[in-house]
């Protein structure tokens, strides 16, 4: 782990697109500003951990729950049912009257 000392207004850069700046120091709290591209996801540590825990819990769904969900949606044979993600939906396209 890299440990740095920074004063208010000073910052650090991570790669080319992340910059962290010390905005305020008040008692035992430090307020940080984070500049990053919109595609970079930034969470507080406790929120990130909660997301990870929920993802792990969701990935360990038991077979009985899946079968109950399938019954709710009218699927009778879960083993032979195609994944809803594999279904293709056709979209009607408007034709350009100039090309007709």
C-alpha atoms as a PDB file:
ATOM      1  CA  UNK A   1       0.000   0.000   0.000  1.00  0.00           C
ATOM      2  CA  UNK A   2       1.281   3.429  -0.920  1.00  0.00           C
ATOM      3  CA  UNK A   3       0.933   5.976   1.905  1.00  0.00           C
ATOM      4  CA  UNK A   4       1.113   9.678   1.038  1.00  0.00           C
ATOM      5  CA  UNK A   5       0.845  12.927   2.972  1.00  0.00           C
ATOM      6  CA  UNK A   6      -1.172  15.683   1.281  1.00  0.00           C
ATOM      7  CA  UNK A   7      -2.365  19.121   2.329  1.00  0.00           C
ATOM      8  CA  UNK A   8      -5.665  20.782   1.436  1.00  0.00           C
ATOM      9  CA  UNK A   9      -5.700  21.523  -2.279  1.00  0.00           C
ATOM     10  CA  UNK A  10      -3.046  18.920  -3.059  1.00  0.00           C
ATOM     11  CA  UNK A  11      -3.858  15.686  -4.819  1.00  0.00           C
ATOM     12  CA  UNK A  12      -2.664  12.487  -6.386  1.00  0.00           C
ATOM     13  CA  UNK A  13      -3.161  11.046  -9.851  1.00  0.00           C
ATOM     14  CA  UNK A  14      -3.990   7.427 -10.618  1.00  0.00           C
ATOM     15  CA  UNK A  15      -3.258   6.611 -14.225  1.00  0.00           C
ATOM     16  CA  UNK A  16      -4.188   9.214 -16.798  1.00  0.00           C
ATOM     17  CA  UNK A  17      -7.845   9.667 -15.922  1.00  0.00           C
ATOM     18  CA  UNK A  18      -8.261   9.649 -12.110  1.00  0.00           C
ATOM     19  CA  UNK A  19      -7.289  12.510  -9.818  1.00  0.00           C
ATOM     20  CA  UNK A  20      -7.973  12.660  -6.072  1.00  0.00           C
ATOM     21  CA  UNK A  21      -7.727  16.047  -4.323  1.00  0.00           C
ATOM     22  CA  UNK A  22      -7.862  16.799  -0.588  1.00  0.00           C
ATOM     23  CA  UNK A  23     -10.717  19.302  -0.323  1.00  0.00           C
ATOM     24  CA  UNK A  24     -11.000  19.781   3.446  1.00  0.00           C
ATOM     25  CA  UNK A  25      -9.616  18.414   6.704  1.00  0.00           C
ATOM     26  CA  UNK A  26     -11.883  18.763   9.734  1.00  0.00           C
ATOM     27  CA  UNK A  27     -10.917  16.904  12.907  1.00  0.00           C
ATOM     28  CA  UNK A  28     -10.608  13.215  12.030  1.00  0.00           C
ATOM     29  CA  UNK A  29     -12.421  13.578   8.700  1.00  0.00           C
ATOM     30  CA  UNK A  30     -10.890  14.274   5.324  1.00  0.00           C
ATOM     31  CA  UNK A  31     -13.081  15.427   2.437  1.00  0.00           C
ATOM     32  CA  UNK A  32     -11.795  14.190  -0.911  1.00  0.00           C
ATOM     33  CA  UNK A  33     -12.692  15.264  -4.425  1.00  0.00           C
ATOM     34  CA  UNK A  34     -12.432  12.644  -7.156  1.00  0.00           C
ATOM     35  CA  UNK A  35     -12.167  13.506 -10.846  1.00  0.00           C
ATOM     36  CA  UNK A  36     -12.644  10.558 -13.175  1.00  0.00           C
ATOM     37  CA  UNK A  37     -14.191   9.775 -16.542  1.00  0.00           C
ATOM     38  CA  UNK A  38     -17.945   9.073 -16.476  1.00  0.00           C
ATOM     39  CA  UNK A  39     -17.245   5.427 -17.325  1.00  0.00           C
ATOM     40  CA  UNK A  40     -15.253   4.983 -14.089  1.00  0.00           C
ATOM     41  CA  UNK A  41     -17.441   3.720 -11.257  1.00  0.00           C
ATOM     42  CA  UNK A  42     -16.610   5.248  -7.847  1.00  0.00           C
ATOM     43  CA  UNK A  43     -18.196   4.007  -4.585  1.00  0.00           C
ATOM     44  CA  UNK A  44     -17.519   4.484  -0.890  1.00  0.00           C
ATOM     45  CA  UNK A  45     -15.930   1.287   0.460  1.00  0.00           C
ATOM     46  CA  UNK A  46     -18.973   0.235   2.517  1.00  0.00           C
ATOM     47  CA  UNK A  47     -21.285   0.665  -0.491  1.00  0.00           C
ATOM     48  CA  UNK A  48     -18.890  -1.307  -2.706  1.00  0.00           C
ATOM     49  CA  UNK A  49     -18.766  -4.135  -0.145  1.00  0.00           C
ATOM     50  CA  UNK A  50     -22.574  -4.227   0.072  1.00  0.00           C
ATOM     51  CA  UNK A  51     -22.835  -4.474  -3.729  1.00  0.00           C
ATOM     52  CA  UNK A  52     -20.291  -7.310  -3.764  1.00  0.00           C
ATOM     53  CA  UNK A  53     -22.158  -9.170  -0.983  1.00  0.00           C
ATOM     54  CA  UNK A  54     -25.491  -8.821  -2.806  1.00  0.00           C
ATOM     55  CA  UNK A  55     -23.924 -10.023  -6.064  1.00  0.00           C
ATOM     56  CA  UNK A  56     -22.470 -13.085  -4.305  1.00  0.00           C
ATOM     57  CA  UNK A  57     -25.825 -13.815  -2.665  1.00  0.00           C
ATOM     58  CA  UNK A  58     -27.686 -13.455  -5.976  1.00  0.00           C
ATOM     59  CA  UNK A  59     -25.272 -15.815  -7.721  1.00  0.00           C
ATOM     60  CA  UNK A  60     -26.002 -18.617  -5.238  1.00  0.00           C
ATOM     61  CA  UNK A  61     -29.745 -18.880  -5.903  1.00  0.00           C
ATOM     62  CA  UNK A  62     -30.984 -22.385  -5.238  1.00  0.00           C
ATOM     63  CA  UNK A  63     -32.770 -24.518  -7.857  1.00  0.00           C
ATOM     64  CA  UNK A  64     -36.062 -24.424  -5.959  1.00  0.00           C
ATOM     65  CA  UNK A  65     -36.210 -20.626  -6.221  1.00  0.00           C
ATOM     66  CA  UNK A  66     -35.571 -20.798  -9.959  1.00  0.00           C
ATOM     67  CA  UNK A  67     -38.315 -23.401 -10.381  1.00  0.00           C
ATOM     68  CA  UNK A  68     -40.753 -21.255  -8.372  1.00  0.00           C
ATOM     69  CA  UNK A  69     -39.944 -18.235 -10.534  1.00  0.00           C
ATOM     70  CA  UNK A  70     -40.436 -20.300 -13.691  1.00  0.00           C
ATOM     71  CA  UNK A  71     -43.870 -21.408 -12.469  1.00  0.00           C
ATOM     72  CA  UNK A  72     -44.820 -17.778 -11.834  1.00  0.00           C
ATOM     73  CA  UNK A  73     -44.007 -16.981 -15.460  1.00  0.00           C
ATOM     74  CA  UNK A  74     -45.841 -20.009 -16.811  1.00  0.00           C
ATOM     75  CA  UNK A  75     -42.779 -22.081 -17.687  1.00  0.00           C
ATOM     76  CA  UNK A  76     -43.388 -25.739 -16.874  1.00  0.00           C
ATOM     77  CA  UNK A  77     -40.068 -27.371 -17.764  1.00  0.00           C
ATOM     78  CA  UNK A  78     -37.162 -25.277 -16.519  1.00  0.00           C
ATOM     79  CA  UNK A  79     -34.550 -27.731 -17.839  1.00  0.00           C
ATOM     80  CA  UNK A  80     -35.725 -27.432 -21.465  1.00  0.00           C
ATOM     81  CA  UNK A  81     -36.738 -23.780 -21.476  1.00  0.00           C
ATOM     82  CA  UNK A  82     -34.569 -21.453 -23.530  1.00  0.00           C
ATOM     83  CA  UNK A  83     -33.050 -18.545 -21.683  1.00  0.00           C
ATOM     84  CA  UNK A  84     -35.116 -15.351 -22.010  1.00  0.00           C
ATOM     85  CA  UNK A  85     -31.862 -13.621 -22.946  1.00  0.00           C
ATOM     86  CA  UNK A  86     -31.638 -15.760 -26.062  1.00  0.00           C
ATOM     87  CA  UNK A  87     -35.086 -14.796 -27.351  1.00  0.00           C
ATOM     88  CA  UNK A  88     -35.022 -12.443 -30.293  1.00  0.00           C
ATOM     89  CA  UNK A  89     -37.547  -9.660 -30.574  1.00  0.00           C
ATOM     90  CA  UNK A  90     -38.348  -8.340 -34.018  1.00  0.00           C
ATOM     91  CA  UNK A  91     -38.664  -4.614 -34.359  1.00  0.00           C
ATOM     92  CA  UNK A  92     -40.712  -3.110 -37.177  1.00  0.00           C
ATOM     93  CA  UNK A  93     -38.560  -0.748 -39.171  1.00  0.00           C
ATOM     94  CA  UNK A  94     -39.960   2.333 -40.802  1.00  0.00           C
ATOM     95  CA  UNK A  95     -39.234   2.416 -44.491  1.00  0.00           C
ATOM     96  CA  UNK A  96     -37.995   5.548 -46.117  1.00  0.00           C
ATOM     97  CA  UNK A  97     -40.668   6.622 -48.675  1.00  0.00           C
ATOM     98  CA  UNK A  98     -37.920   8.128 -50.868  1.00  0.00           C
ATOM     99  CA  UNK A  99     -36.295   4.679 -51.286  1.00  0.00           C
ATOM    100  CA  UNK A 100     -39.535   2.943 -52.276  1.00  0.00           C
END
